[in-house]
Protein backbone atom coordinates (compact mmCIF):
# COMPACT_ATOMS: atom_id res chain seq x y z
CA MET A 1 -0.02 0.00 -0.02
CA PRO A 2 1.41 3.41 -0.85
CA GLY A 3 2.49 5.50 2.05
CA GLY A 4 2.64 9.20 2.45
CA GLY A 5 2.16 12.24 4.57
CA PHE A 6 2.23 16.00 4.59
CA VAL A 7 3.59 18.93 6.49
CA ARG A 8 1.95 22.33 6.79
CA LEU A 9 4.36 25.23 6.27
CA PRO A 10 4.23 28.55 8.24
CA GLY A 11 2.70 30.36 5.27
CA GLY A 12 -0.30 28.01 5.16
CA SER A 13 0.73 25.91 2.16
CA VAL A 14 1.59 22.24 2.41
CA VAL A 15 4.13 19.81 1.12
CA VAL A 16 2.76 16.31 0.44
CA ALA A 17 5.03 13.30 0.03
CA LEU A 18 3.71 10.01 -1.37
CA THR A 19 5.40 6.70 -2.10
CA LEU A 20 3.72 5.26 -5.18
CA PRO A 21 4.27 2.41 -7.62
CA ARG A 22 6.20 3.61 -10.66
CA PRO A 23 3.59 4.68 -13.28
CA SER A 24 5.41 3.15 -16.23
CA GLY A 25 4.92 -0.33 -14.76
CA GLU A 26 8.68 -1.05 -14.62
CA GLY A 27 8.39 -2.19 -11.00
CA GLY A 28 9.62 -0.49 -7.95
CA ASN A 29 8.34 2.60 -6.15
CA VAL A 30 8.91 6.33 -6.42
CA ARG A 31 8.72 9.04 -3.80
CA VAL A 32 6.81 12.03 -5.18
CA LEU A 33 6.80 15.49 -3.54
CA VAL A 34 4.18 18.15 -4.25
CA HIS A 35 3.99 21.72 -2.97
CA ALA A 36 0.48 23.22 -3.06
CA ALA A 37 -1.94 25.50 -1.26
CA ASN A 38 -3.58 22.52 0.50
CA ARG A 39 -3.67 18.74 0.51
CA ALA A 40 -6.58 18.50 -1.90
CA ARG A 41 -4.83 20.70 -4.46
CA ALA A 42 -1.65 18.67 -4.15
CA LEU A 43 -3.45 15.48 -4.97
CA THR A 44 -5.39 17.19 -7.77
CA ARG A 45 -2.08 18.23 -9.35
CA LEU A 46 -0.99 14.58 -9.48
CA ARG A 47 -4.36 13.36 -10.77
CA ASN A 48 -4.24 15.98 -13.56
CA LEU A 49 -0.89 14.44 -14.61
CA GLY A 50 -2.55 11.04 -15.14
CA MET A 51 -2.03 9.50 -11.67
CA ARG A 52 -5.70 8.84 -11.17
CA ALA A 53 -5.71 6.59 -8.09
CA VAL A 54 -3.73 8.87 -5.76
CA TYR A 55 -4.99 9.20 -2.24
CA LEU A 56 -3.45 10.36 1.06
CA ARG A 57 -4.55 8.27 3.99
CA GLY A 58 -2.99 9.29 7.24
CA ASN A 59 0.34 10.91 7.93
CA ALA A 60 2.57 7.85 8.37
CA GLN A 61 5.47 9.06 6.14
CA PRO A 62 5.62 12.89 6.20
CA PRO A 63 8.28 14.63 4.14
CA THR A 64 11.62 15.07 5.76
CA PRO A 65 13.14 18.55 6.14
CA ASP A 66 15.47 17.81 3.21
CA GLU A 67 12.53 16.85 1.02
CA VAL A 68 10.68 20.03 1.93
CA THR A 69 13.72 22.06 1.03
CA ALA A 70 14.07 20.31 -2.29
CA VAL A 71 10.49 20.83 -3.40
CA LEU A 72 10.40 24.44 -2.24
CA HIS A 73 13.49 25.29 -4.35
CA HIS A 74 12.14 23.69 -7.53
CA PRO A 75 10.10 26.06 -9.84
CA ASP A 76 7.37 23.45 -10.54
CA GLY A 77 6.98 22.34 -6.92
CA LEU A 78 6.71 18.73 -8.14
CA LEU A 79 9.58 16.25 -7.82
CA TRP A 80 10.31 12.50 -7.65
CA ARG A 81 13.06 9.98 -7.04
CA ALA A 82 13.27 6.19 -6.62
CA ALA A 83 12.17 4.74 -3.31
CA PRO A 84 13.78 3.56 -1.16
CA ASP A 85 16.11 6.54 -1.24
CA ARG A 86 19.51 6.11 -2.75
CA ALA A 87 21.94 8.61 -1.29
CA GLN A 88 23.50 9.49 -4.68
CA GLU A 89 20.25 9.92 -6.60
CA LEU A 90 19.08 13.50 -7.12
CA TRP A 91 15.49 14.69 -7.34
CA HIS A 92 13.98 14.75 -10.80
CA PRO A 93 11.24 16.91 -12.28
CA ILE A 94 7.98 15.08 -12.76
CA ARG A 95 8.29 15.30 -16.57
CA ALA A 96 11.15 12.78 -16.38
CA LEU A 97 8.86 10.19 -14.71
CA LEU A 98 5.86 10.64 -16.91
CA GLY A 99 7.74 11.01 -20.19
CA THR A 100 6.02 14.25 -21.14
């Protein structure tokens, strides 16, 4: 079952982190980070990209401070990398995962 969580920032926005199966069907999981005004908008951003069955149930795996920093410094506010984390792997823009 995919895991995930969120953290509310001082400005009122949220960063949502989800561990999802790789959309291309290659196997393995990816950790996706989304910065948005609220949780519902974060999930809507992912659904609009074609990830239809994305839900956030609970707050078992909230984003780490390093993940929050990474997504806040990216212009799209939408990043991913393979899960479990590999120390040498950098964050990728969502376009690289979806092939758009």
